[in-house]
Amino acid sequence: IGDSAHAHDMTPTYPKLTHSHLDGVVKTTMSLFNKRQDVQHYEIKVFDKDFESIPFVTSQSVIKLDYLSKTSFDVYIRKADASRATYICSLSKLKRDDTIRTAVSSRICSKIKNE
């Protein structure tokens, strides 16, 4: 019972979408910090208010991140989808061969500021 649960951090909490260098596309920059020794991969997703998937592009949809490491990445969303995009989320990806102990997946979401 002495163990504590650690998640991961993703910032900013309320990202703003700004113009990108691509016509018809907006973007935001996110940072991800890994506080979990048992996880090295995080999947990025974009959702609407009902947690339905929104199409997006980033350099890697699954980011490899070592324990206590931080990385930044850009998320690109079509302007046509920008008003529906509500959440940018990161989900810890657990190893399938870890059958000895129970592991907990964590999902962190940042709410997009739509102005």
Protein backbone atom coordinates (compact mmCIF):
# COMPACT_ATOMS: atom_id res chain seq x y z
CA ILE A 1 0.00 0.00 0.00
CA GLY A 2 3.05 2.26 0.23
CA ASP A 3 3.32 2.59 -3.56
CA SER A 4 2.08 5.79 -5.12
CA ALA A 5 0.63 6.23 -8.58
CA HIS A 6 2.51 8.46 -10.97
CA ALA A 7 1.09 9.74 -14.19
CA HIS A 8 2.68 11.91 -16.82
CA ASP A 9 2.38 15.64 -17.50
CA MET A 10 1.28 17.36 -20.67
CA THR A 11 1.26 21.14 -21.00
CA PRO A 12 -0.14 23.63 -21.67
CA THR A 13 -3.37 22.73 -19.91
CA TYR A 14 -5.35 25.04 -22.20
CA PRO A 15 -3.51 25.23 -25.54
CA LYS A 16 -4.44 27.80 -28.19
CA LEU A 17 -4.59 26.97 -31.87
CA THR A 18 -2.61 29.39 -34.04
CA HIS A 19 -1.93 29.76 -37.75
CA SER A 20 0.64 27.39 -39.19
CA HIS A 21 2.86 27.67 -42.25
CA LEU A 22 0.40 25.36 -44.06
CA ASP A 23 -2.67 26.84 -45.76
CA GLY A 24 -5.92 25.71 -44.12
CA VAL A 25 -4.17 24.25 -41.07
CA VAL A 26 -3.80 25.48 -37.47
CA LYS A 27 -1.32 24.22 -34.89
CA THR A 28 -0.31 24.24 -31.27
CA THR A 29 2.86 23.13 -29.47
CA MET A 30 2.59 20.69 -26.57
CA SER A 31 5.13 19.42 -24.03
CA LEU A 32 5.12 15.95 -22.52
CA PHE A 33 6.99 14.89 -19.35
CA ASN A 34 7.32 11.22 -18.34
CA LYS A 35 7.03 10.57 -14.58
CA ARG A 36 6.54 6.82 -14.99
CA GLN A 37 9.42 4.34 -14.82
CA ASP A 38 7.22 1.58 -16.28
CA VAL A 39 6.19 3.48 -19.44
CA GLN A 40 8.26 4.72 -22.39
CA HIS A 41 5.62 5.27 -25.08
CA TYR A 42 2.73 7.74 -25.25
CA GLU A 43 0.05 7.91 -27.94
CA ILE A 44 -1.29 11.33 -28.98
CA LYS A 45 -4.96 11.79 -29.92
CA VAL A 46 -7.31 14.72 -30.64
CA PHE A 47 -11.01 14.54 -29.69
CA ASP A 48 -14.19 16.57 -29.89
CA LYS A 49 -16.38 17.36 -26.86
CA ASP A 50 -17.89 13.85 -26.99
CA PHE A 51 -14.45 12.18 -27.22
CA GLU A 52 -14.94 11.29 -30.89
CA SER A 53 -11.63 11.29 -32.82
CA ILE A 54 -10.64 14.37 -34.82
CA PRO A 55 -8.09 13.99 -37.66
CA PHE A 56 -4.71 15.57 -36.88
CA VAL A 57 -1.04 15.30 -37.74
CA THR A 58 2.03 15.32 -35.54
CA SER A 59 5.60 14.18 -36.18
CA GLN A 60 4.89 10.95 -34.28
CA SER A 61 1.51 9.64 -33.16
CA VAL A 62 3.33 7.46 -30.60
CA ILE A 63 6.16 9.23 -28.80
CA LYS A 64 9.01 7.33 -27.13
CA LEU A 65 9.98 9.13 -23.93
CA ASP A 66 12.34 7.84 -21.27
CA TYR A 67 11.65 8.19 -17.54
CA LEU A 68 12.02 11.81 -16.29
CA SER A 69 12.48 13.07 -19.86
CA LYS A 70 10.59 15.87 -21.57
CA THR A 71 9.80 16.54 -25.22
CA SER A 72 7.84 19.08 -27.23
CA PHE A 73 5.76 18.38 -30.32
CA ASP A 74 3.47 20.25 -32.68
CA VAL A 75 -0.11 19.19 -33.34
CA TYR A 76 -1.64 20.23 -36.69
CA ILE A 77 -5.42 20.32 -37.22
CA ARG A 78 -7.36 21.35 -40.33
CA LYS A 79 -9.11 24.72 -39.94
CA ALA A 80 -12.34 22.95 -40.93
CA ASP A 81 -11.99 20.72 -37.82
CA ALA A 82 -10.58 23.35 -35.45
CA SER A 83 -13.95 24.48 -34.04
CA ARG A 84 -14.83 20.85 -33.15
CA ALA A 85 -11.43 19.97 -31.67
CA THR A 86 -11.79 20.12 -27.89
CA TYR A 87 -9.10 17.90 -26.34
CA ILE A 88 -5.51 16.92 -27.09
CA CYS A 89 -4.74 13.77 -25.11
CA SER A 90 -1.74 11.58 -24.37
CA LEU A 91 -2.23 7.95 -23.39
CA SER A 92 0.48 5.82 -21.82
CA LYS A 93 1.13 2.65 -23.82
CA LEU A 94 1.88 -0.39 -21.67
CA LYS A 95 4.12 -3.27 -22.72
CA ARG A 96 2.20 -6.40 -23.62
CA ASP A 97 4.84 -8.69 -22.11
CA ASP A 98 4.33 -7.23 -18.60
CA THR A 99 2.16 -10.04 -17.26
CA ILE A 100 3.72 -10.37 -13.82
CA ARG A 101 2.15 -7.30 -12.28
CA THR A 102 -0.90 -5.18 -12.90
CA ALA A 103 -0.18 -1.87 -14.59
CA VAL A 104 -2.34 1.21 -14.89
CA SER A 105 -2.61 3.18 -18.10
CA SER A 106 -2.90 6.94 -17.73
CA ARG A 107 -4.57 9.47 -20.03
CA ILE A 108 -3.95 13.20 -19.71
CA CYS A 109 -6.01 15.68 -21.75
CA SER A 110 -5.53 19.37 -22.38
CA LYS A 111 -8.63 21.39 -23.31
CA ILE A 112 -8.19 23.53 -26.42
CA LYS A 113 -9.11 27.19 -26.01
CA ASN A 114 -11.48 27.98 -28.87
CA GLU A 115 -11.93 31.70 -29.13
